[in-house]
PDB file of N, CA and C in Angstrom:
ATOM      1  N   MET A   1     -50.934 -27.952  -2.397  1.00  0.00           N
ATOM      2  CA  MET A   1     -49.731 -28.466  -1.769  1.00  0.00           C
ATOM      3  C   MET A   1     -48.773 -27.305  -1.566  1.00  0.00           C
ATOM      4  N   ALA A   2     -48.241 -27.165  -0.367  1.00  0.00           N
ATOM      5  CA  ALA A   2     -47.348 -26.052  -0.036  1.00  0.00           C
ATOM      6  C   ALA A   2     -45.932 -26.361  -0.479  1.00  0.00           C
ATOM      7  N   GLN A   3     -45.294 -25.329  -0.993  1.00  0.00           N
ATOM      8  CA  GLN A   3     -43.894 -25.487  -1.373  1.00  0.00           C
ATOM      9  C   GLN A   3     -43.020 -25.125  -0.191  1.00  0.00           C
ATOM     10  N   HIS A   4     -41.907 -25.811  -0.053  1.00  0.00           N
ATOM     11  CA  HIS A   4     -40.954 -25.535   1.016  1.00  0.00           C
ATOM     12  C   HIS A   4     -39.764 -24.801   0.419  1.00  0.00           C
ATOM     13  N   GLU A   5     -39.456 -23.669   1.026  1.00  0.00           N
ATOM     14  CA  GLU A   5     -38.300 -22.889   0.562  1.00  0.00           C
ATOM     15  C   GLU A   5     -37.101 -23.250   1.420  1.00  0.00           C
ATOM     16  N   VAL A   6     -36.009 -23.556   0.787  1.00  0.00           N
ATOM     17  CA  VAL A   6     -34.789 -23.904   1.503  1.00  0.00           C
ATOM     18  C   VAL A   6     -33.925 -22.654   1.592  1.00  0.00           C
ATOM     19  N   VAL A   7     -33.587 -22.262   2.806  1.00  0.00           N
ATOM     20  CA  VAL A   7     -32.745 -21.100   3.027  1.00  0.00           C
ATOM     21  C   VAL A   7     -31.401 -21.604   3.536  1.00  0.00           C
ATOM     22  N   THR A   8     -30.357 -21.207   2.853  1.00  0.00           N
ATOM     23  CA  THR A   8     -29.020 -21.616   3.294  1.00  0.00           C
ATOM     24  C   THR A   8     -28.221 -20.384   3.672  1.00  0.00           C
ATOM     25  N   GLN A   9     -27.327 -20.554   4.573  1.00  0.00           N
ATOM     26  CA  GLN A   9     -26.420 -19.486   4.981  1.00  0.00           C
ATOM     27  C   GLN A   9     -25.000 -19.949   4.709  1.00  0.00           C
ATOM     28  N   ASP A  10     -24.192 -19.035   4.226  1.00  0.00           N
ATOM     29  CA  ASP A  10     -22.789 -19.368   4.046  1.00  0.00           C
ATOM     30  C   ASP A  10     -22.157 -19.529   5.415  1.00  0.00           C
ATOM     31  N   ARG A  11     -21.378 -20.528   5.552  1.00  0.00           N
ATOM     32  CA  ARG A  11     -20.715 -20.783   6.831  1.00  0.00           C
ATOM     33  C   ARG A  11     -19.251 -21.082   6.587  1.00  0.00           C
ATOM     34  N   GLY A  12     -18.435 -20.683   7.534  1.00  0.00           N
ATOM     35  CA  GLY A  12     -17.028 -21.012   7.488  1.00  0.00           C
ATOM     36  C   GLY A  12     -16.742 -22.131   8.462  1.00  0.00           C
ATOM     37  N   ARG A  13     -15.574 -22.663   8.351  1.00  0.00           N
ATOM     38  CA  ARG A  13     -15.174 -23.733   9.271  1.00  0.00           C
ATOM     39  C   ARG A  13     -13.799 -23.398   9.813  1.00  0.00           C
ATOM     40  N   ILE A  14     -13.655 -23.602  11.089  1.00  0.00           N
ATOM     41  CA  ILE A  14     -12.369 -23.419  11.746  1.00  0.00           C
ATOM     42  C   ILE A  14     -12.032 -24.725  12.443  1.00  0.00           C
ATOM     43  N   THR A  15     -10.818 -25.176  12.270  1.00  0.00           N
ATOM     44  CA  THR A  15     -10.360 -26.358  12.994  1.00  0.00           C
ATOM     45  C   THR A  15      -9.165 -25.961  13.849  1.00  0.00           C
ATOM     46  N   ALA A  16      -9.020 -26.630  14.944  1.00  0.00           N
ATOM     47  CA  ALA A  16      -7.905 -26.321  15.841  1.00  0.00           C
ATOM     48  C   ALA A  16      -7.322 -27.628  16.372  1.00  0.00           C
ATOM     49  N   ARG A  17      -6.029 -27.661  16.454  1.00  0.00           N
ATOM     50  CA  ARG A  17      -5.349 -28.806  17.066  1.00  0.00           C
ATOM     51  C   ARG A  17      -4.956 -28.397  18.471  1.00  0.00           C
ATOM     52  N   LEU A  18      -5.290 -29.244  19.434  1.00  0.00           N
ATOM     53  CA  LEU A  18      -4.937 -28.953  20.806  1.00  0.00           C
ATOM     54  C   LEU A  18      -4.697 -30.252  21.558  1.00  0.00           C
ATOM     55  N   SER A  19      -4.052 -30.106  22.678  1.00  0.00           N
ATOM     56  CA  SER A  19      -3.736 -31.295  23.476  1.00  0.00           C
ATOM     57  C   SER A  19      -5.016 -31.889  24.055  1.00  0.00           C
ATOM     58  N   ALA A  20      -4.948 -33.172  24.384  1.00  0.00           N
ATOM     59  CA  ALA A  20      -6.100 -33.854  24.981  1.00  0.00           C
ATOM     60  C   ALA A  20      -6.500 -33.170  26.286  1.00  0.00           C
ATOM     61  N   GLU A  21      -5.503 -32.712  27.033  1.00  0.00           N
ATOM     62  CA  GLU A  21      -5.782 -32.035  28.306  1.00  0.00           C
ATOM     63  C   GLU A  21      -6.576 -30.747  28.080  1.00  0.00           C
ATOM     64  N   ASN A  22      -6.158 -29.957  27.104  1.00  0.00           N
ATOM     65  CA  ASN A  22      -6.885 -28.715  26.812  1.00  0.00           C
ATOM     66  C   ASN A  22      -8.289 -29.006  26.290  1.00  0.00           C
ATOM     67  N   GLN A  23      -8.428 -30.059  25.504  1.00  0.00           N
ATOM     68  CA  GLN A  23      -9.748 -30.416  24.999  1.00  0.00           C
ATOM     69  C   GLN A  23     -10.660 -30.828  26.155  1.00  0.00           C
ATOM     70  N   GLU A  24     -10.120 -31.555  27.117  1.00  0.00           N
ATOM     71  CA  GLU A  24     -10.912 -31.959  28.286  1.00  0.00           C
ATOM     72  C   GLU A  24     -11.383 -30.738  29.076  1.00  0.00           C
ATOM     73  N   VAL A  25     -10.495 -29.754  29.235  1.00  0.00           N
ATOM     74  CA  VAL A  25     -10.857 -28.530  29.957  1.00  0.00           C
ATOM     75  C   VAL A  25     -11.986 -27.814  29.229  1.00  0.00           C
ATOM     76  N   LEU A  26     -11.838 -27.669  27.912  1.00  0.00           N
ATOM     77  CA  LEU A  26     -12.878 -27.004  27.130  1.00  0.00           C
ATOM     78  C   LEU A  26     -14.193 -27.783  27.176  1.00  0.00           C
ATOM     79  N   GLN A  27     -14.123 -29.097  27.083  1.00  0.00           N
ATOM     80  CA  GLN A  27     -15.335 -29.912  27.124  1.00  0.00           C
ATOM     81  C   GLN A  27     -16.034 -29.784  28.473  1.00  0.00           C
ATOM     82  N   LEU A  28     -15.262 -29.776  29.544  1.00  0.00           N
ATOM     83  CA  LEU A  28     -15.844 -29.624  30.876  1.00  0.00           C
ATOM     84  C   LEU A  28     -16.554 -28.271  30.987  1.00  0.00           C
ATOM     85  N   ALA A  29     -15.896 -27.233  30.523  1.00  0.00           N
ATOM     86  CA  ALA A  29     -16.506 -25.900  30.574  1.00  0.00           C
ATOM     87  C   ALA A  29     -17.774 -25.857  29.727  1.00  0.00           C
ATOM     88  N   ALA A  30     -17.739 -26.476  28.565  1.00  0.00           N
ATOM     89  CA  ALA A  30     -18.932 -26.522  27.703  1.00  0.00           C
ATOM     90  C   ALA A  30     -20.056 -27.263  28.404  1.00  0.00           C
ATOM     91  N   ASP A  31     -19.736 -28.406  29.000  1.00  0.00           N
ATOM     92  CA  ASP A  31     -20.745 -29.185  29.720  1.00  0.00           C
ATOM     93  C   ASP A  31     -21.345 -28.374  30.862  1.00  0.00           C
ATOM     94  N   LEU A  32     -20.492 -27.692  31.604  1.00  0.00           N
ATOM     95  CA  LEU A  32     -20.975 -26.904  32.745  1.00  0.00           C
ATOM     96  C   LEU A  32     -21.847 -25.727  32.302  1.00  0.00           C
ATOM     97  N   SER A  33     -21.589 -25.215  31.100  1.00  0.00           N
ATOM     98  CA  SER A  33     -22.384 -24.087  30.618  1.00  0.00           C
ATOM     99  C   SER A  33     -23.625 -24.550  29.854  1.00  0.00           C
ATOM    100  N   GLY A  34     -23.755 -25.868  29.656  1.00  0.00           N
ATOM    101  CA  GLY A  34     -24.939 -26.396  28.972  1.00  0.00           C
ATOM    102  C   GLY A  34     -24.902 -26.211  27.465  1.00  0.00           C
ATOM    103  N   SER A  35     -23.718 -26.138  26.899  1.00  0.00           N
ATOM    104  CA  SER A  35     -23.621 -25.982  25.452  1.00  0.00           C
ATOM    105  C   SER A  35     -22.719 -27.067  24.881  1.00  0.00           C
ATOM    106  N   THR A  36     -22.778 -27.189  23.571  1.00  0.00           N
ATOM    107  CA  THR A  36     -21.873 -28.142  22.930  1.00  0.00           C
ATOM    108  C   THR A  36     -20.468 -27.546  22.952  1.00  0.00           C
ATOM    109  N   LEU A  37     -19.494 -28.393  22.711  1.00  0.00           N
ATOM    110  CA  LEU A  37     -18.106 -27.929  22.675  1.00  0.00           C
ATOM    111  C   LEU A  37     -17.942 -26.879  21.581  1.00  0.00           C
ATOM    112  N   ASN A  38     -18.519 -27.131  20.416  1.00  0.00           N
ATOM    113  CA  ASN A  38     -18.413 -26.186  19.313  1.00  0.00           C
ATOM    114  C   ASN A  38     -19.056 -24.845  19.685  1.00  0.00           C
ATOM    115  N   GLN A  39     -20.265 -24.879  20.249  1.00  0.00           N
ATOM    116  CA  GLN A  39     -20.936 -23.636  20.652  1.00  0.00           C
ATOM    117  C   GLN A  39     -20.097 -22.880  21.680  1.00  0.00           C
ATOM    118  N   PHE A  40     -19.557 -23.618  22.632  1.00  0.00           N
ATOM    119  CA  PHE A  40     -18.758 -22.982  23.680  1.00  0.00           C
ATOM    120  C   PHE A  40     -17.536 -22.289  23.098  1.00  0.00           C
ATOM    121  N   ILE A  41     -16.823 -22.980  22.219  1.00  0.00           N
ATOM    122  CA  ILE A  41     -15.605 -22.417  21.634  1.00  0.00           C
ATOM    123  C   ILE A  41     -15.930 -21.195  20.784  1.00  0.00           C
ATOM    124  N   VAL A  42     -16.974 -21.289  19.963  1.00  0.00           N
ATOM    125  CA  VAL A  42     -17.342 -20.161  19.108  1.00  0.00           C
ATOM    126  C   VAL A  42     -17.742 -18.954  19.965  1.00  0.00           C
ATOM    127  N   GLN A  43     -18.564 -19.165  20.976  1.00  0.00           N
ATOM    128  CA  GLN A  43     -19.005 -18.050  21.822  1.00  0.00           C
ATOM    129  C   GLN A  43     -17.824 -17.432  22.579  1.00  0.00           C
ATOM    130  N   ALA A  44     -16.930 -18.264  23.100  1.00  0.00           N
ATOM    131  CA  ALA A  44     -15.762 -17.748  23.818  1.00  0.00           C
ATOM    132  C   ALA A  44     -14.850 -16.966  22.877  1.00  0.00           C
ATOM    133  N   ALA A  45     -14.661 -17.492  21.674  1.00  0.00           N
ATOM    134  CA  ALA A  45     -13.806 -16.810  20.703  1.00  0.00           C
ATOM    135  C   ALA A  45     -14.432 -15.481  20.280  1.00  0.00           C
ATOM    136  N   LEU A  46     -15.745 -15.452  20.072  1.00  0.00           N
ATOM    137  CA  LEU A  46     -16.418 -14.207  19.693  1.00  0.00           C
ATOM    138  C   LEU A  46     -16.339 -13.167  20.799  1.00  0.00           C
ATOM    139  N   ARG A  47     -16.512 -13.599  22.049  1.00  0.00           N
ATOM    140  CA  ARG A  47     -16.385 -12.658  23.180  1.00  0.00           C
ATOM    141  C   ARG A  47     -14.998 -12.039  23.201  1.00  0.00           C
ATOM    142  N   GLU A  48     -13.987 -12.878  23.034  1.00  0.00           N
ATOM    143  CA  GLU A  48     -12.606 -12.388  23.050  1.00  0.00           C
ATOM    144  C   GLU A  48     -12.335 -11.476  21.857  1.00  0.00           C
ATOM    145  N   ALA A  49     -12.835 -11.849  20.691  1.00  0.00           N
ATOM    146  CA  ALA A  49     -12.644 -11.028  19.494  1.00  0.00           C
ATOM    147  C   ALA A  49     -13.273  -9.652  19.683  1.00  0.00           C
ATOM    148  N   LYS A  50     -14.485  -9.616  20.208  1.00  0.00           N
ATOM    149  CA  LYS A  50     -15.152  -8.329  20.448  1.00  0.00           C
ATOM    150  C   LYS A  50     -14.387  -7.500  21.468  1.00  0.00           C
ATOM    151  N   SER A  51     -13.838  -8.149  22.478  1.00  0.00           N
ATOM    152  CA  SER A  51     -13.050  -7.449  23.486  1.00  0.00           C
ATOM    153  C   SER A  51     -11.797  -6.826  22.874  1.00  0.00           C
ATOM    154  N   VAL A  52     -11.111  -7.582  22.023  1.00  0.00           N
ATOM    155  CA  VAL A  52      -9.905  -7.070  21.362  1.00  0.00           C
ATOM    156  C   VAL A  52     -10.253  -5.893  20.472  1.00  0.00           C
ATOM    157  N   ILE A  53     -11.332  -6.021  19.706  1.00  0.00           N
ATOM    158  CA  ILE A  53     -11.754  -4.941  18.811  1.00  0.00           C
ATOM    159  C   ILE A  53     -12.137  -3.708  19.617  1.00  0.00           C
ATOM    160  N   GLU A  54     -12.875  -3.895  20.689  1.00  0.00           N
ATOM    161  CA  GLU A  54     -13.279  -2.763  21.532  1.00  0.00           C
ATOM    162  C   GLU A  54     -12.063  -2.076  22.138  1.00  0.00           C
ATOM    163  N   HIS A  55     -11.082  -2.875  22.566  1.00  0.00           N
ATOM    164  CA  HIS A  55      -9.863  -2.304  23.139  1.00  0.00           C
ATOM    165  C   HIS A  55      -9.135  -1.466  22.099  1.00  0.00           C
ATOM    166  N   GLN A  56      -9.039  -1.962  20.880  1.00  0.00           N
ATOM    167  CA  GLN A  56      -8.388  -1.203  19.818  1.00  0.00           C
ATOM    168  C   GLN A  56      -9.151   0.075  19.512  1.00  0.00           C
ATOM    169  N   ASP A  57     -10.474  -0.003  19.539  1.00  0.00           N
ATOM    170  CA  ASP A  57     -11.284   1.190  19.285  1.00  0.00           C
ATOM    171  C   ASP A  57     -11.059   2.247  20.356  1.00  0.00           C
ATOM    172  N   THR A  58     -10.877   1.817  21.610  1.00  0.00           N
ATOM    173  CA  THR A  58     -10.677   2.794  22.671  1.00  0.00           C
ATOM    174  C   THR A  58      -9.313   3.457  22.557  1.00  0.00           C
ATOM    175  N   LEU A  59      -8.362   2.786  21.889  1.00  0.00           N
ATOM    176  CA  LEU A  59      -7.059   3.403  21.691  1.00  0.00           C
ATOM    177  C   LEU A  59      -7.133   4.529  20.666  1.00  0.00           C
ATOM    178  N   ARG A  60      -8.117   4.474  19.788  1.00  0.00           N
ATOM    179  CA  ARG A  60      -8.255   5.477  18.736  1.00  0.00           C
ATOM    180  C   ARG A  60      -9.283   6.539  19.078  1.00  0.00           C
ATOM    181  N   VAL A  61     -10.074   6.331  20.107  1.00  0.00           N
ATOM    182  CA  VAL A  61     -11.172   7.239  20.419  1.00  0.00           C
ATOM    183  C   VAL A  61     -10.944   7.853  21.792  1.00  0.00           C
ATOM    184  N   PHE A  62     -11.048   9.155  21.838  1.00  0.00           N
ATOM    185  CA  PHE A  62     -10.992   9.839  23.110  1.00  0.00           C
ATOM    186  C   PHE A  62     -12.420  10.148  23.526  1.00  0.00           C
ATOM    187  N   LYS A  63     -12.764   9.818  24.741  1.00  0.00           N
ATOM    188  CA  LYS A  63     -14.097  10.123  25.232  1.00  0.00           C
ATOM    189  C   LYS A  63     -13.987  11.316  26.164  1.00  0.00           C
ATOM    190  N   LEU A  64     -14.626  12.412  25.772  1.00  0.00           N
ATOM    191  CA  LEU A  64     -14.569  13.639  26.548  1.00  0.00           C
ATOM    192  C   LEU A  64     -15.950  13.999  27.067  1.00  0.00           C
ATOM    193  N   THR A  65     -15.952  14.639  28.211  1.00  0.00           N
ATOM    194  CA  THR A  65     -17.200  15.191  28.713  1.00  0.00           C
ATOM    195  C   THR A  65     -17.548  16.409  27.863  1.00  0.00           C
ATOM    196  N   ALA A  66     -18.742  16.926  28.027  1.00  0.00           N
ATOM    197  CA  ALA A  66     -19.147  18.119  27.273  1.00  0.00           C
ATOM    198  C   ALA A  66     -18.205  19.283  27.580  1.00  0.00           C
ATOM    199  N   GLU A  67     -17.847  19.455  28.839  1.00  0.00           N
ATOM    200  CA  GLU A  67     -16.949  20.549  29.225  1.00  0.00           C
ATOM    201  C   GLU A  67     -15.563  20.351  28.620  1.00  0.00           C
ATOM    202  N   GLN A  68     -15.036  19.137  28.665  1.00  0.00           N
ATOM    203  CA  GLN A  68     -13.734  18.856  28.074  1.00  0.00           C
ATOM    204  C   GLN A  68     -13.755  19.102  26.568  1.00  0.00           C
ATOM    205  N   SER A  69     -14.848  18.744  25.923  1.00  0.00           N
ATOM    206  CA  SER A  69     -14.977  18.982  24.481  1.00  0.00           C
ATOM    207  C   SER A  69     -14.955  20.467  24.171  1.00  0.00           C
ATOM    208  N   ARG A  70     -15.703  21.264  24.947  1.00  0.00           N
ATOM    209  CA  ARG A  70     -15.721  22.718  24.732  1.00  0.00           C
ATOM    210  C   ARG A  70     -14.328  23.307  24.919  1.00  0.00           C
ATOM    211  N   ARG A  71     -13.636  22.864  25.962  1.00  0.00           N
ATOM    212  CA  ARG A  71     -12.286  23.381  26.237  1.00  0.00           C
ATOM    213  C   ARG A  71     -11.324  22.993  25.112  1.00  0.00           C
ATOM    214  N   PHE A  72     -11.394  21.761  24.656  1.00  0.00           N
ATOM    215  CA  PHE A  72     -10.525  21.283  23.586  1.00  0.00           C
ATOM    216  C   PHE A  72     -10.748  22.099  22.311  1.00  0.00           C
ATOM    217  N   LEU A  73     -11.998  22.274  21.923  1.00  0.00           N
ATOM    218  CA  LEU A  73     -12.298  23.042  20.715  1.00  0.00           C
ATOM    219  C   LEU A  73     -11.880  24.493  20.864  1.00  0.00           C
ATOM    220  N   SER A  74     -12.070  25.049  22.044  1.00  0.00           N
ATOM    221  CA  SER A  74     -11.664  26.430  22.293  1.00  0.00           C
ATOM    222  C   SER A  74     -10.154  26.584  22.136  1.00  0.00           C
ATOM    223  N   MET A  75      -9.397  25.609  22.641  1.00  0.00           N
ATOM    224  CA  MET A  75      -7.939  25.681  22.532  1.00  0.00           C
ATOM    225  C   MET A  75      -7.477  25.485  21.084  1.00  0.00           C
ATOM    226  N   LEU A  76      -8.220  24.714  20.306  1.00  0.00           N
ATOM    227  CA  LEU A  76      -7.879  24.576  18.890  1.00  0.00           C
ATOM    228  C   LEU A  76      -8.123  25.890  18.151  1.00  0.00           C
ATOM    229  N   GLU A  77      -9.216  26.539  18.481  1.00  0.00           N
ATOM    230  CA  GLU A  77      -9.564  27.790  17.808  1.00  0.00           C
ATOM    231  C   GLU A  77      -8.729  28.963  18.305  1.00  0.00           C
ATOM    232  N   ASN A  78      -8.344  28.942  19.568  1.00  0.00           N
ATOM    233  CA  ASN A  78      -7.565  30.030  20.168  1.00  0.00           C
ATOM    234  C   ASN A  78      -6.414  29.439  20.973  1.00  0.00           C
ATOM    235  N   PRO A  79      -5.389  28.926  20.290  1.00  0.00           N
ATOM    236  CA  PRO A  79      -4.302  28.275  21.016  1.00  0.00           C
ATOM    237  C   PRO A  79      -3.538  29.276  21.877  1.00  0.00           C
ATOM    238  N   PRO A  80      -3.056  28.806  23.028  1.00  0.00           N
ATOM    239  CA  PRO A  80      -2.272  29.695  23.881  1.00  0.00           C
ATOM    240  C   PRO A  80      -0.931  30.015  23.218  1.00  0.00           C
ATOM    241  N   ALA A  81      -0.319  31.092  23.639  1.00  0.00           N
ATOM    242  CA  ALA A  81       1.002  31.464  23.120  1.00  0.00           C
ATOM    243  C   ALA A  81       2.011  30.391  23.533  1.00  0.00           C
ATOM    244  N   PRO A  82       3.028  30.152  22.712  1.00  0.00           N
ATOM    245  CA  PRO A  82       4.031  29.147  23.060  1.00  0.00           C
ATOM    246  C   PRO A  82       4.755  29.520  24.362  1.00  0.00           C
ATOM    247  N   ASN A  83       4.892  28.531  25.247  1.00  0.00           N
ATOM    248  CA  ASN A  83       5.629  28.774  26.488  1.00  0.00           C
ATOM    249  C   ASN A  83       7.131  28.624  26.217  1.00  0.00           C
ATOM    250  N   GLU A  84       7.936  28.831  27.245  1.00  0.00           N
ATOM    251  CA  GLU A  84       9.399  28.782  27.074  1.00  0.00           C
ATOM    252  C   GLU A  84       9.871  27.428  26.566  1.00  0.00           C
ATOM    253  N   ALA A  85       9.323  26.364  27.108  1.00  0.00           N
ATOM    254  CA  ALA A  85       9.752  25.022  26.703  1.00  0.00           C
ATOM    255  C   ALA A  85       9.459  24.783  25.219  1.00  0.00           C
ATOM    256  N   LEU A  86       8.289  25.225  24.757  1.00  0.00           N
ATOM    257  CA  LEU A  86       7.954  25.057  23.347  1.00  0.00           C
ATOM    258  C   LEU A  86       8.848  25.925  22.467  1.00  0.00           C
ATOM    259  N   GLN A  87       9.143  27.122  22.914  1.00  0.00           N
ATOM    260  CA  GLN A  87      10.029  27.998  22.138  1.00  0.00           C
ATOM    261  C   GLN A  87      11.422  27.391  22.012  1.00  0.00           C
ATOM    262  N   ARG A  88      11.935  26.807  23.103  1.00  0.00           N
ATOM    263  CA  ARG A  88      13.241  26.153  23.042  1.00  0.00           C
ATOM    264  C   ARG A  88      13.199  24.955  22.092  1.00  0.00           C
ATOM    265  N   ALA A  89      12.115  24.190  22.160  1.00  0.00           N
ATOM    266  CA  ALA A  89      11.976  23.027  21.283  1.00  0.00           C
ATOM    267  C   ALA A  89      11.918  23.462  19.821  1.00  0.00           C
ATOM    268  N   MET A  90      11.214  24.545  19.527  1.00  0.00           N
ATOM    269  CA  MET A  90      11.135  25.039  18.152  1.00  0.00           C
ATOM    270  C   MET A  90      12.505  25.519  17.679  1.00  0.00           C
ATOM    271  N   ALA A  91      13.264  26.161  18.569  1.00  0.00           N
ATOM    272  CA  ALA A  91      14.608  26.621  18.201  1.00  0.00           C
ATOM    273  C   ALA A  91      15.518  25.433  17.892  1.00  0.00           C
ATOM    274  N   ARG A  92      15.433  24.373  18.733  1.00  0.00           N
ATOM    275  CA  ARG A  92      16.233  23.164  18.484  1.00  0.00           C
ATOM    276  C   ARG A  92      15.827  22.535  17.157  1.00  0.00           C
ATOM    277  N   TYR A  93      14.553  22.501  16.887  1.00  0.00           N
ATOM    278  CA  TYR A  93      14.072  21.922  15.630  1.00  0.00           C
ATOM    279  C   TYR A  93      14.599  22.717  14.437  1.00  0.00           C
ATOM    280  N   ARG A  94      14.509  24.017  14.533  1.00  0.00           N
ATOM    281  CA  ARG A  94      14.993  24.862  13.439  1.00  0.00           C
ATOM    282  C   ARG A  94      16.464  24.619  13.171  1.00  0.00           C
ATOM    283  N   LYS A  95      17.262  24.554  14.240  1.00  0.00           N
ATOM    284  CA  LYS A  95      18.702  24.339  14.082  1.00  0.00           C
ATOM    285  C   LYS A  95      19.000  22.977  13.478  1.00  0.00           C
ATOM    286  N   LYS A  96      18.318  21.988  13.974  1.00  0.00           N
ATOM    287  CA  LYS A  96      18.617  20.627  13.549  1.00  0.00           C
ATOM    288  C   LYS A  96      18.047  20.311  12.175  1.00  0.00           C
ATOM    289  N   LYS A  97      16.809  20.647  11.914  1.00  0.00           N
ATOM    290  CA  LYS A  97      16.141  20.243  10.684  1.00  0.00           C
ATOM    291  C   LYS A  97      16.208  21.282   9.585  1.00  0.00           C
ATOM    292  N   ILE A  98      16.111  22.505   9.928  1.00  0.00           N
ATOM    293  CA  ILE A  98      16.048  23.542   8.913  1.00  0.00           C
ATOM    294  C   ILE A  98      17.400  24.198   8.717  1.00  0.00           C
ATOM    295  N   GLY A  99      18.136  24.359   9.790  1.00  0.00           N
ATOM    296  CA  GLY A  99      19.480  24.883   9.703  1.00  0.00           C
ATOM    297  C   GLY A  99      19.589  26.392   9.691  1.00  0.00           C
ATOM    298  N   THR A 100      18.494  27.091   9.778  1.00  0.00           N
ATOM    299  CA  THR A 100      18.555  28.553   9.815  1.00  0.00           C
ATOM    300  C   THR A 100      17.786  29.047  11.021  1.00  0.00           C
ATOM    301  N   SER A 101      18.374  30.032  11.668  1.00  0.00           N
ATOM    302  CA  SER A 101      17.719  30.553  12.867  1.00  0.00           C
ATOM    303  C   SER A 101      16.582  31.508  12.540  1.00  0.00           C
ATOM    304  N   ASP A 102      16.506  31.976  11.275  1.00  0.00           N
ATOM    305  CA  ASP A 102      15.422  32.899  10.945  1.00  0.00           C
ATOM    306  C   ASP A 102      14.163  32.170  10.476  1.00  0.00           C
ATOM    307  N   SER A 103      14.215  30.833  10.399  1.00  0.00           N
ATOM    308  CA  SER A 103      13.014  30.075  10.058  1.00  0.00           C
ATOM    309  C   SER A 103      12.041  30.171  11.217  1.00  0.00           C
ATOM    310  N   HIS A 104      10.786  30.163  10.914  1.00  0.00           N
ATOM    311  CA  HIS A 104       9.791  30.231  11.977  1.00  0.00           C
ATOM    312  C   HIS A 104       8.516  29.539  11.536  1.00  0.00           C
ATOM    313  N   PHE A 105       7.723  29.272  12.527  1.00  0.00           N
ATOM    314  CA  PHE A 105       6.441  28.636  12.282  1.00  0.00           C
ATOM    315  C   PHE A 105       5.397  29.729  12.264  1.00  0.00           C
ATOM    316  N   ASP A 106       4.715  29.874  11.161  1.00  0.00           N
ATOM    317  CA  ASP A 106       3.638  30.837  11.083  1.00  0.00           C
ATOM    318  C   ASP A 106       2.328  30.097  11.237  1.00  0.00           C
ATOM    319  N   ARG A 107       1.518  30.602  12.089  1.00  0.00           N
ATOM    320  CA  ARG A 107       0.199  30.032  12.258  1.00  0.00           C
ATOM    321  C   ARG A 107      -0.798  31.156  12.117  1.00  0.00           C
ATOM    322  N   GLU A 108      -1.572  31.072  11.077  1.00  0.00           N
ATOM    323  CA  GLU A 108      -2.609  32.077  10.889  1.00  0.00           C
ATOM    324  C   GLU A 108      -3.904  31.465  11.402  1.00  0.00           C
ATOM    325  N   PRO A 109      -4.634  32.244  12.180  1.00  0.00           N
ATOM    326  CA  PRO A 109      -5.901  31.699  12.690  1.00  0.00           C
ATOM    327  C   PRO A 109      -6.869  31.394  11.543  1.00  0.00           C
ATOM    328  N   ARG A 110      -7.630  30.337  11.738  1.00  0.00           N
ATOM    329  CA  ARG A 110      -8.643  29.994  10.732  1.00  0.00           C
ATOM    330  C   ARG A 110      -9.758  31.011  10.778  1.00  0.00           C
ATOM    331  N   PRO A 111     -10.344  31.297   9.645  1.00  0.00           N
ATOM    332  CA  PRO A 111     -11.504  32.192   9.646  1.00  0.00           C
ATOM    333  C   PRO A 111     -12.625  31.574  10.470  1.00  0.00           C
ATOM    334  N   GLN A 112     -13.375  32.375  11.146  1.00  0.00           N
ATOM    335  CA  GLN A 112     -14.486  31.880  11.950  1.00  0.00           C
ATOM    336  C   GLN A 112     -15.542  31.273  11.046  1.00  0.00           C
ATOM    337  N   GLY A 113     -16.208  30.265  11.565  1.00  0.00           N
ATOM    338  CA  GLY A 113     -17.302  29.631  10.832  1.00  0.00           C
ATOM    339  C   GLY A 113     -16.883  28.470   9.954  1.00  0.00           C
ATOM    340  N   ILE A 114     -15.609  28.096  10.003  1.00  0.00           N
ATOM    341  CA  ILE A 114     -15.165  26.948   9.202  1.00  0.00           C
ATOM    342  C   ILE A 114     -15.057  25.749  10.098  1.00  0.00           C
TER     343      ILE A 114
END
């Protein structure tokens, strides 16, 4: 005699209160897509959730071409000399935050290979 193994999955439950009109719209869409109302709502919510997450990820991630990546890394390793606008901004910062005109920003290049 074969034994039957029961496999259970943890499941959550979400309930939502909505107007009869909104429920009718959702039910119609579910019917037209050939799914139950619950399946339709879960799938629509998951699509939207993934979209929101992807949008947030794109705000934190810069996508560069290979050439852009090489240029970016090169500028980090060998930054250009400060232009006039940056020098003026540094002078304003020194006056406002540090209060001494002899303060300066020292940047020593990183050793190669790090």
